[in-house]
PDB file of all heavy atoms in Angstrom:
ATOM      1  N   LYS A   1     124.887  82.494  79.058  1.00  0.00           N
ATOM      2  CA  LYS A   1     125.667  83.618  78.546  1.00  0.00           C
ATOM      3  C   LYS A   1     125.897  83.514  77.080  1.00  0.00           C
ATOM      4  O   LYS A   1     126.425  82.470  76.578  1.00  0.00           O
ATOM      5  CB  LYS A   1     127.006  83.683  79.308  1.00  0.00           C
ATOM      6  CG  LYS A   1     127.846  84.904  78.950  1.00  0.00           C
ATOM      7  CD  LYS A   1     129.111  84.943  79.778  1.00  0.00           C
ATOM      8  CE  LYS A   1     129.858  86.186  79.485  1.00  0.00           C
ATOM      9  NZ  LYS A   1     131.184  86.202  80.300  1.00  0.00           N
ATOM     10  N   PRO A   2     125.511  84.476  76.288  1.00  0.00           N
ATOM     11  CA  PRO A   2     125.691  84.409  74.828  1.00  0.00           C
ATOM     12  C   PRO A   2     127.180  84.497  74.455  1.00  0.00           C
ATOM     13  O   PRO A   2     128.020  84.978  75.209  1.00  0.00           O
ATOM     14  CB  PRO A   2     124.902  85.589  74.280  1.00  0.00           C
ATOM     15  CG  PRO A   2     124.898  86.620  75.393  1.00  0.00           C
ATOM     16  CD  PRO A   2     124.895  85.757  76.674  1.00  0.00           C
ATOM     17  N   LYS A   3     127.496  83.977  73.276  1.00  0.00           N
ATOM     18  CA  LYS A   3     128.825  84.033  72.752  1.00  0.00           C
ATOM     19  C   LYS A   3     129.194  85.500  72.454  1.00  0.00           C
ATOM     20  O   LYS A   3     128.380  86.239  71.875  1.00  0.00           O
ATOM     21  CB  LYS A   3     129.014  83.146  71.562  1.00  0.00           C
ATOM     22  CG  LYS A   3     128.788  81.685  71.824  1.00  0.00           C
ATOM     23  CD  LYS A   3     128.988  80.855  70.593  1.00  0.00           C
ATOM     24  CE  LYS A   3     128.737  79.379  70.875  1.00  0.00           C
ATOM     25  NZ  LYS A   3     128.926  78.525  69.713  1.00  0.00           N
ATOM     26  N   THR A   4     130.397  85.916  72.748  1.00  0.00           N
ATOM     27  CA  THR A   4     130.827  87.259  72.459  1.00  0.00           C
ATOM     28  C   THR A   4     131.101  87.422  70.958  1.00  0.00           C
ATOM     29  O   THR A   4     131.650  86.527  70.328  1.00  0.00           O
ATOM     30  CB  THR A   4     132.137  87.571  73.251  1.00  0.00           C
ATOM     31  OG1 THR A   4     133.115  86.568  72.874  1.00  0.00           O
ATOM     32  CG2 THR A   4     131.896  87.470  74.741  1.00  0.00           C
ATOM     33  N   LEU A   5     130.689  88.549  70.465  1.00  0.00           N
ATOM     34  CA  LEU A   5     130.859  88.835  69.094  1.00  0.00           C
ATOM     35  C   LEU A   5     132.234  89.439  68.849  1.00  0.00           C
ATOM     36  O   LEU A   5     132.805  90.011  69.784  1.00  0.00           O
ATOM     37  CB  LEU A   5     129.752  89.812  68.582  1.00  0.00           C
ATOM     38  CG  LEU A   5     128.312  89.285  68.697  1.00  0.00           C
ATOM     39  CD1 LEU A   5     127.311  90.338  68.259  1.00  0.00           C
ATOM     40  CD2 LEU A   5     128.117  87.998  67.876  1.00  0.00           C
ATOM     41  N   ALA A   6     132.663  89.379  67.607  1.00  0.00           N
ATOM     42  CA  ALA A   6     133.978  89.973  67.266  1.00  0.00           C
ATOM     43  C   ALA A   6     133.944  91.474  67.471  1.00  0.00           C
ATOM     44  O   ALA A   6     134.864  92.136  67.945  1.00  0.00           O
ATOM     45  CB  ALA A   6     134.370  89.589  65.873  1.00  0.00           C
ATOM     46  N   VAL A   7     132.812  92.097  67.039  1.00  0.00           N
ATOM     47  CA  VAL A   7     132.577  93.532  67.175  1.00  0.00           C
ATOM     48  C   VAL A   7     131.413  93.761  68.160  1.00  0.00           C
ATOM     49  O   VAL A   7     130.283  93.547  67.770  1.00  0.00           O
ATOM     50  CB  VAL A   7     132.333  94.187  65.824  1.00  0.00           C
ATOM     51  CG1 VAL A   7     132.118  95.685  66.042  1.00  0.00           C
ATOM     52  CG2 VAL A   7     133.390  93.898  64.819  1.00  0.00           C
ATOM     53  N   PRO A   8     131.681  94.055  69.416  1.00  0.00           N
ATOM     54  CA  PRO A   8     130.612  94.197  70.391  1.00  0.00           C
ATOM     55  C   PRO A   8     129.706  95.366  70.051  1.00  0.00           C
ATOM     56  O   PRO A   8     130.131  96.352  69.578  1.00  0.00           O
ATOM     57  CB  PRO A   8     131.348  94.372  71.691  1.00  0.00           C
ATOM     58  CG  PRO A   8     132.709  94.898  71.387  1.00  0.00           C
ATOM     59  CD  PRO A   8     133.016  94.298  70.050  1.00  0.00           C
ATOM     60  N   LYS A   9     128.400  95.173  70.320  1.00  0.00           N
ATOM     61  CA  LYS A   9     127.471  96.227  70.039  1.00  0.00           C
ATOM     62  C   LYS A   9     127.599  97.275  71.196  1.00  0.00           C
ATOM     63  O   LYS A   9     127.927  96.922  72.296  1.00  0.00           O
ATOM     64  CB  LYS A   9     126.025  95.671  70.041  1.00  0.00           C
ATOM     65  CG  LYS A   9     125.778  94.697  68.842  1.00  0.00           C
ATOM     66  CD  LYS A   9     124.325  94.279  68.872  1.00  0.00           C
ATOM     67  CE  LYS A   9     124.048  93.348  67.736  1.00  0.00           C
ATOM     68  NZ  LYS A   9     122.652  92.841  67.711  1.00  0.00           N
ATOM     69  N   PRO A  10     127.247  98.482  70.892  1.00  0.00           N
ATOM     70  CA  PRO A  10     127.305  99.528  71.923  1.00  0.00           C
ATOM     71  C   PRO A  10     126.199  99.320  73.001  1.00  0.00           C
ATOM     72  O   PRO A  10     125.123  98.900  72.648  1.00  0.00           O
ATOM     73  CB  PRO A  10     127.049 100.856  71.179  1.00  0.00           C
ATOM     74  CG  PRO A  10     126.340 100.415  69.881  1.00  0.00           C
ATOM     75  CD  PRO A  10     126.918  99.079  69.539  1.00  0.00           C
ATOM     76  N   ALA A  11     126.549  99.485  74.219  1.00  0.00           N
ATOM     77  CA  ALA A  11     125.604  99.255  75.282  1.00  0.00           C
ATOM     78  C   ALA A  11     124.490 100.214  75.227  1.00  0.00           C
ATOM     79  O   ALA A  11     124.684 101.439  74.998  1.00  0.00           O
ATOM     80  CB  ALA A  11     126.370  99.360  76.627  1.00  0.00           C
ATOM     81  N   ARG A  12     123.263  99.711  75.395  1.00  0.00           N
ATOM     82  CA  ARG A  12     122.077 100.553  75.390  1.00  0.00           C
ATOM     83  C   ARG A  12     121.799 101.060  76.769  1.00  0.00           C
ATOM     84  O   ARG A  12     121.977 100.398  77.754  1.00  0.00           O
ATOM     85  CB  ARG A  12     120.884  99.761  74.816  1.00  0.00           C
ATOM     86  CG  ARG A  12     120.989  99.392  73.405  1.00  0.00           C
ATOM     87  CD  ARG A  12     119.663  98.849  72.888  1.00  0.00           C
ATOM     88  NE  ARG A  12     119.163  97.750  73.655  1.00  0.00           N
ATOM     89  CZ  ARG A  12     117.995  97.200  73.495  1.00  0.00           C
ATOM     90  NH1 ARG A  12     117.168  97.722  72.571  1.00  0.00           N
ATOM     91  NH2 ARG A  12     117.565  96.203  74.249  1.00  0.00           N
ATOM     92  N   ARG A  13     121.224 102.238  76.805  1.00  0.00           N
ATOM     93  CA  ARG A  13     120.926 102.854  78.060  1.00  0.00           C
ATOM     94  C   ARG A  13     119.669 102.186  78.659  1.00  0.00           C
ATOM     95  O   ARG A  13     118.670 102.080  77.987  1.00  0.00           O
ATOM     96  CB  ARG A  13     120.699 104.357  77.924  1.00  0.00           C
ATOM     97  CG  ARG A  13     120.417 105.095  79.254  1.00  0.00           C
ATOM     98  CD  ARG A  13     120.245 106.568  78.973  1.00  0.00           C
ATOM     99  NE  ARG A  13     119.945 107.297  80.192  1.00  0.00           N
ATOM    100  CZ  ARG A  13     119.667 108.576  80.263  1.00  0.00           C
ATOM    101  NH1 ARG A  13     119.667 109.298  79.177  1.00  0.00           N
ATOM    102  NH2 ARG A  13     119.386 109.140  81.449  1.00  0.00           N
ATOM    103  N   LYS A  14     119.697 101.828  79.928  1.00  0.00           N
ATOM    104  CA  LYS A  14     118.551 101.219  80.582  1.00  0.00           C
ATOM    105  C   LYS A  14     117.488 102.254  80.800  1.00  0.00           C
ATOM    106  O   LYS A  14     117.764 103.374  81.388  1.00  0.00           O
ATOM    107  CB  LYS A  14     118.949 100.575  81.807  1.00  0.00           C
ATOM    108  CG  LYS A  14     119.923  99.403  81.643  1.00  0.00           C
ATOM    109  CD  LYS A  14     120.365  98.852  82.976  1.00  0.00           C
ATOM    110  CE  LYS A  14     119.210  98.250  83.710  1.00  0.00           C
ATOM    111  NZ  LYS A  14     119.628  97.574  84.961  1.00  0.00           N
ATOM    112  N   SER A  15     116.244 101.954  80.414  1.00  0.00           N
ATOM    113  CA  SER A  15     115.156 102.923  80.623  1.00  0.00           C
ATOM    114  C   SER A  15     114.216 102.539  81.804  1.00  0.00           C
ATOM    115  O   SER A  15     113.282 103.201  82.021  1.00  0.00           O
ATOM    116  CB  SER A  15     114.349 102.984  79.316  1.00  0.00           C
ATOM    117  OG  SER A  15     113.810 101.694  79.016  1.00  0.00           O
ATOM    118  N   ALA A  16     114.506 101.405  82.407  1.00  0.00           N
ATOM    119  CA  ALA A  16     113.635 100.982  83.514  1.00  0.00           C
ATOM    120  C   ALA A  16     114.450 100.499  84.700  1.00  0.00           C
ATOM    121  O   ALA A  16     115.727 100.239  84.538  1.00  0.00           O
ATOM    122  CB  ALA A  16     112.682  99.826  83.071  1.00  0.00           C
ATOM    123  N   ILE A  17     113.868 100.343  85.823  1.00  0.00           N
ATOM    124  CA  ILE A  17     114.556  99.899  87.014  1.00  0.00           C
ATOM    125  C   ILE A  17     114.759  98.425  86.919  1.00  0.00           C
ATOM    126  O   ILE A  17     113.816  97.632  86.869  1.00  0.00           O
ATOM    127  CB  ILE A  17     113.782 100.285  88.294  1.00  0.00           C
ATOM    128  CG1 ILE A  17     113.726 101.846  88.393  1.00  0.00           C
ATOM    129  CG2 ILE A  17     114.414  99.659  89.513  1.00  0.00           C
ATOM    130  CD1 ILE A  17     112.885 102.313  89.520  1.00  0.00           C
ATOM    131  N   GLY A  18     116.021  97.976  86.962  1.00  0.00           N
ATOM    132  CA  GLY A  18     116.311  96.557  86.862  1.00  0.00           C
ATOM    133  C   GLY A  18     116.678  95.932  88.228  1.00  0.00           C
ATOM    134  O   GLY A  18     116.785  96.633  89.247  1.00  0.00           O
ATOM    135  N   PHE A  19     116.906  94.648  88.262  1.00  0.00           N
ATOM    136  CA  PHE A  19     117.257  93.972  89.509  1.00  0.00           C
ATOM    137  C   PHE A  19     118.616  94.430  90.065  1.00  0.00           C
ATOM    138  O   PHE A  19     118.799  94.443  91.250  1.00  0.00           O
ATOM    139  CB  PHE A  19     117.307  92.427  89.325  1.00  0.00           C
ATOM    140  CG  PHE A  19     115.897  91.827  89.086  1.00  0.00           C
ATOM    141  CD1 PHE A  19     115.382  91.582  87.889  1.00  0.00           C
ATOM    142  CD2 PHE A  19     115.172  91.496  90.243  1.00  0.00           C
ATOM    143  CE1 PHE A  19     114.143  91.054  87.750  1.00  0.00           C
ATOM    144  CE2 PHE A  19     113.915  90.960  90.104  1.00  0.00           C
ATOM    145  CZ  PHE A  19     113.371  90.724  88.835  1.00  0.00           C
ATOM    146  N   SER A  20     119.476  94.842  89.198  1.00  0.00           N
ATOM    147  CA  SER A  20     120.802  95.251  89.601  1.00  0.00           C
ATOM    148  C   SER A  20     120.822  96.763  89.937  1.00  0.00           C
ATOM    149  O   SER A  20     121.915  97.251  90.334  1.00  0.00           O
ATOM    150  CB  SER A  20     121.861  94.941  88.537  1.00  0.00           C
ATOM    151  OG  SER A  20     121.506  95.605  87.344  1.00  0.00           O
ATOM    152  N   SER A  21     119.739  97.467  89.786  1.00  0.00           N
ATOM    153  CA  SER A  21     119.737  98.920  90.020  1.00  0.00           C
ATOM    154  C   SER A  21     119.705  99.179  91.500  1.00  0.00           C
ATOM    155  O   SER A  21     119.068  98.443  92.264  1.00  0.00           O
ATOM    156  CB  SER A  21     118.557  99.532  89.288  1.00  0.00           C
ATOM    157  OG  SER A  21     118.453 100.879  89.653  1.00  0.00           O
ATOM    158  N   ARG A  22     120.251 100.305  91.905  1.00  0.00           N
ATOM    159  CA  ARG A  22     120.204 100.673  93.309  1.00  0.00           C
ATOM    160  C   ARG A  22     118.835 101.225  93.689  1.00  0.00           C
ATOM    161  O   ARG A  22     118.531 101.377  94.831  1.00  0.00           O
ATOM    162  CB  ARG A  22     121.225 101.807  93.564  1.00  0.00           C
ATOM    163  CG  ARG A  22     121.060 103.076  92.788  1.00  0.00           C
ATOM    164  CD  ARG A  22     122.118 104.084  93.062  1.00  0.00           C
ATOM    165  NE  ARG A  22     122.081 104.556  94.455  1.00  0.00           N
ATOM    166  CZ  ARG A  22     121.503 105.698  94.814  1.00  0.00           C
ATOM    167  NH1 ARG A  22     120.928 106.437  93.892  1.00  0.00           N
ATOM    168  NH2 ARG A  22     121.484 106.035  96.041  1.00  0.00           N
ATOM    169  N   TYR A  23     117.945 101.361  92.703  1.00  0.00           N
ATOM    170  CA  TYR A  23     116.596 101.848  92.970  1.00  0.00           C
ATOM    171  C   TYR A  23     115.626 100.712  93.014  1.00  0.00           C
ATOM    172  O   TYR A  23     114.431 100.905  93.195  1.00  0.00           O
ATOM    173  CB  TYR A  23     116.157 102.857  91.878  1.00  0.00           C
ATOM    174  CG  TYR A  23     117.081 104.001  91.690  1.00  0.00           C
ATOM    175  CD1 TYR A  23     117.861 104.153  90.550  1.00  0.00           C
ATOM    176  CD2 TYR A  23     117.213 104.976  92.680  1.00  0.00           C
ATOM    177  CE1 TYR A  23     118.688 105.252  90.405  1.00  0.00           C
ATOM    178  CE2 TYR A  23     118.043 106.061  92.562  1.00  0.00           C
ATOM    179  CZ  TYR A  23     118.842 106.183  91.364  1.00  0.00           C
ATOM    180  OH  TYR A  23     119.683 107.196  91.235  1.00  0.00           O
ATOM    181  N   TYR A  24     116.122  99.474  92.855  1.00  0.00           N
ATOM    182  CA  TYR A  24     115.230  98.315  92.816  1.00  0.00           C
ATOM    183  C   TYR A  24     114.508  98.122  94.171  1.00  0.00           C
ATOM    184  O   TYR A  24     113.263  97.993  94.225  1.00  0.00           O
ATOM    185  CB  TYR A  24     115.908  97.040  92.432  1.00  0.00           C
ATOM    186  CG  TYR A  24     115.060  95.861  92.451  1.00  0.00           C
ATOM    187  CD1 TYR A  24     114.078  95.630  91.500  1.00  0.00           C
ATOM    188  CD2 TYR A  24     115.156  94.865  93.422  1.00  0.00           C
ATOM    189  CE1 TYR A  24     113.232  94.517  91.534  1.00  0.00           C
ATOM    190  CE2 TYR A  24     114.398  93.765  93.485  1.00  0.00           C
ATOM    191  CZ  TYR A  24     113.439  93.574  92.530  1.00  0.00           C
ATOM    192  OH  TYR A  24     112.609  92.477  92.506  1.00  0.00           O
ATOM    193  N   GLU A  25     115.276  98.112  95.270  1.00  0.00           N
ATOM    194  CA  GLU A  25     114.689  97.931  96.576  1.00  0.00           C
ATOM    195  C   GLU A  25     113.729  99.047  96.997  1.00  0.00           C
ATOM    196  O   GLU A  25     112.621  98.790  97.450  1.00  0.00           O
ATOM    197  CB  GLU A  25     115.775  97.747  97.647  1.00  0.00           C
ATOM    198  CG  GLU A  25     116.451  96.411  97.599  1.00  0.00           C
ATOM    199  CD  GLU A  25     115.525  95.292  97.973  1.00  0.00           C
ATOM    200  OE1 GLU A  25     114.508  95.519  98.656  1.00  0.00           O
ATOM    201  OE2 GLU A  25     115.777  94.110  97.526  1.00  0.00           O
ATOM    202  N   PRO A  26     114.108 100.366  96.766  1.00  0.00           N
ATOM    203  CA  PRO A  26     113.122 101.386  97.012  1.00  0.00           C
ATOM    204  C   PRO A  26     111.881 101.359  96.159  1.00  0.00           C
ATOM    205  O   PRO A  26     110.787 101.546  96.654  1.00  0.00           O
ATOM    206  CB  PRO A  26     113.917 102.724  96.705  1.00  0.00           C
ATOM    207  CG  PRO A  26     115.281 102.322  96.850  1.00  0.00           C
ATOM    208  CD  PRO A  26     115.421 100.893  96.453  1.00  0.00           C
ATOM    209  N   PHE A  27     112.051 100.893  94.905  1.00  0.00           N
ATOM    210  CA  PHE A  27     110.890 100.721  94.028  1.00  0.00           C
ATOM    211  C   PHE A  27     109.939  99.685  94.553  1.00  0.00           C
ATOM    212  O   PHE A  27     108.717  99.804  94.561  1.00  0.00           O
ATOM    213  CB  PHE A  27     111.390 100.469  92.620  1.00  0.00           C
ATOM    214  CG  PHE A  27     110.226 100.159  91.675  1.00  0.00           C
ATOM    215  CD1 PHE A  27     109.330 101.140  91.316  1.00  0.00           C
ATOM    216  CD2 PHE A  27     110.130  98.883  91.167  1.00  0.00           C
ATOM    217  CE1 PHE A  27     108.301 100.801  90.430  1.00  0.00           C
ATOM    218  CE2 PHE A  27     109.069  98.557  90.289  1.00  0.00           C
ATOM    219  CZ  PHE A  27     108.167  99.554  89.914  1.00  0.00           C
ATOM    220  N   MET A  28     110.499  98.522  94.966  1.00  0.00           N
ATOM    221  CA  MET A  28     109.682  97.397  95.529  1.00  0.00           C
ATOM    222  C   MET A  28     108.996  97.803  96.737  1.00  0.00           C
ATOM    223  O   MET A  28     107.850  97.435  97.025  1.00  0.00           O
ATOM    224  CB  MET A  28     110.557  96.164  95.728  1.00  0.00           C
ATOM    225  CG  MET A  28     111.165  95.586  94.501  1.00  0.00           C
ATOM    226  SD  MET A  28     109.930  95.171  93.188  1.00  0.00           S
ATOM    227  CE  MET A  28     109.001  93.935  94.074  1.00  0.00           C
ATOM    228  N   THR A  29     109.653  98.630  97.590  1.00  0.00           N
ATOM    229  CA  THR A  29     109.001  99.125  98.824  1.00  0.00           C
ATOM    230  C   THR A  29     107.791 100.000  98.467  1.00  0.00           C
ATOM    231  O   THR A  29     106.714  99.939  99.080  1.00  0.00           O
ATOM    232  CB  THR A  29     110.012  99.941  99.684  1.00  0.00           C
ATOM    233  OG1 THR A  29     111.112  99.097  99.972  1.00  0.00           O
ATOM    234  CG2 THR A  29     109.398 100.399 100.958  1.00  0.00           C
ATOM    235  N   LEU A  30     107.978 100.880  97.443  1.00  0.00           N
ATOM    236  CA  LEU A  30     106.897 101.770  97.007  1.00  0.00           C
ATOM    237  C   LEU A  30     105.739 100.956  96.421  1.00  0.00           C
ATOM    238  O   LEU A  30     104.568 101.246  96.630  1.00  0.00           O
ATOM    239  CB  LEU A  30     107.394 102.760  96.024  1.00  0.00           C
ATOM    240  CG  LEU A  30     108.357 103.834  96.544  1.00  0.00           C
ATOM    241  CD1 LEU A  30     108.933 104.664  95.384  1.00  0.00           C
ATOM    242  CD2 LEU A  30     107.686 104.742  97.541  1.00  0.00           C
ATOM    243  N   CYS A  31     106.097  99.875  95.708  1.00  0.00           N
ATOM    244  CA  CYS A  31     105.038  99.011  95.116  1.00  0.00           C
ATOM    245  C   CYS A  31     104.217  98.374  96.253  1.00  0.00           C
ATOM    246  O   CYS A  31     102.983  98.225  96.083  1.00  0.00           O
ATOM    247  CB  CYS A  31     105.664  97.956  94.243  1.00  0.00           C
ATOM    248  SG  CYS A  31     106.249  98.584  92.654  1.00  0.00           S
ATOM    249  N   ARG A  32     104.884  97.953  97.350  1.00  0.00           N
ATOM    250  CA  ARG A  32     104.129  97.382  98.415  1.00  0.00           C
ATOM    251  C   ARG A  32     103.257  98.381  99.083  1.00  0.00           C
ATOM    252  O   ARG A  32     102.198  98.051  99.624  1.00  0.00           O
ATOM    253  CB  ARG A  32     105.088  96.759  99.467  1.00  0.00           C
ATOM    254  CG  ARG A  32     105.726  95.453  98.995  1.00  0.00           C
ATOM    255  CD  ARG A  32     106.474  94.750 100.138  1.00  0.00           C
ATOM    256  NE  ARG A  32     107.654  95.508 100.477  1.00  0.00           N
ATOM    257  CZ  ARG A  32     108.868  95.264  99.980  1.00  0.00           C
ATOM    258  NH1 ARG A  32     109.031  94.379  99.053  1.00  0.00           N
ATOM    259  NH2 ARG A  32     109.906  95.983 100.375  1.00  0.00           N
ATOM    260  N   MET A  33     103.620  99.669  99.069  1.00  0.00           N
ATOM    261  CA  MET A  33     102.794 100.732  99.710  1.00  0.00           C
ATOM    262  C   MET A  33     101.542 100.890  98.915  1.00  0.00           C
ATOM    263  O   MET A  33     100.496 101.338  99.544  1.00  0.00           O
ATOM    264  CB  MET A  33     103.592 102.029  99.707  1.00  0.00           C
ATOM    265  CG  MET A  33     104.719 102.060 100.724  1.00  0.00           C
ATOM    266  SD  MET A  33     105.537 103.666 100.744  1.00  0.00           S
ATOM    267  CE  MET A  33     106.853 103.347 101.963  1.00  0.00           C
ATOM    268  N   ILE A  34     101.515 100.682  97.630  1.00  0.00           N
ATOM    269  CA  ILE A  34     100.331 100.887  96.857  1.00  0.00           C
ATOM    270  C   ILE A  34      99.689  99.569  96.430  1.00  0.00           C
ATOM    271  O   ILE A  34      98.969  99.457  95.407  1.00  0.00           O
ATOM    272  CB  ILE A  34     100.601 101.765  95.600  1.00  0.00           C
ATOM    273  CG1 ILE A  34     101.577 101.032  94.652  1.00  0.00           C
ATOM    274  CG2 ILE A  34     101.086 103.141  95.938  1.00  0.00           C
ATOM    275  CD1 ILE A  34     101.750 101.781  93.312  1.00  0.00           C
ATOM    276  N   ASP A  35      99.943  98.517  97.215  1.00  0.00           N
ATOM    277  CA  ASP A  35      99.297  97.226  97.054  1.00  0.00           C
ATOM    278  C   ASP A  35      98.007  97.188  97.759  1.00  0.00           C
ATOM    279  O   ASP A  35      97.951  97.336  98.997  1.00  0.00           O
ATOM    280  CB  ASP A  35     100.233  96.136  97.481  1.00  0.00           C
ATOM    281  CG  ASP A  35      99.706  94.719  97.160  1.00  0.00           C
ATOM    282  OD1 ASP A  35      98.634  94.648  96.541  1.00  0.00           O
ATOM    283  OD2 ASP A  35     100.382  93.739  97.418  1.00  0.00           O
ATOM    284  N   ALA A  36      96.886  96.993  97.089  1.00  0.00           N
ATOM    285  CA  ALA A  36      95.566  97.124  97.668  1.00  0.00           C
ATOM    286  C   ALA A  36      95.384  96.006  98.695  1.00  0.00           C
ATOM    287  O   ALA A  36      94.547  96.120  99.683  1.00  0.00           O
ATOM    288  CB  ALA A  36      94.521  97.012  96.600  1.00  0.00           C
ATOM    289  N   ASP A  37      96.065  94.866  98.580  1.00  0.00           N
ATOM    290  CA  ASP A  37      95.833  93.754  99.518  1.00  0.00           C
ATOM    291  C   ASP A  37      96.223  94.156 100.985  1.00  0.00           C
ATOM    292  O   ASP A  37      95.753  93.574 101.897  1.00  0.00           O
ATOM    293  CB  ASP A  37      96.699  92.566  99.134  1.00  0.00           C
ATOM    294  CG  ASP A  37      96.229  91.974  97.801  1.00  0.00           C
ATOM    295  OD1 ASP A  37      95.166  92.387  97.335  1.00  0.00           O
ATOM    296  OD2 ASP A  37      96.922  91.120  97.240  1.00  0.00           O
ATOM    297  N   HIS A  38      97.084  95.182 101.130  1.00  0.00           N
ATOM    298  CA  HIS A  38      97.488  95.607 102.475  1.00  0.00           C
ATOM    299  C   HIS A  38      96.410  96.480 103.094  1.00  0.00           C
ATOM    300  O   HIS A  38      96.458  96.709 104.339  1.00  0.00           O
ATOM    301  CB  HIS A  38      98.814  96.394 102.424  1.00  0.00           C
ATOM    302  CG  HIS A  38      99.916  95.571 101.976  1.00  0.00           C
ATOM    303  ND1 HIS A  38     100.311  94.387 102.562  1.00  0.00           N
ATOM    304  CD2 HIS A  38     100.799  95.719 100.940  1.00  0.00           C
ATOM    305  CE1 HIS A  38     101.349  93.906 101.950  1.00  0.00           C
ATOM    306  NE2 HIS A  38     101.675  94.660 100.940  1.00  0.00           N
TER     307      HIS A  38
END
């Protein structure tokens, strides 16, 4: 965990699906659907 700054930077908007996103599990399911190995 980085040290907190005196003046915190404004939070940036996430542009991709992250591990903490509610869309992560659906996204991984869709990735398995288009996995050629299956």
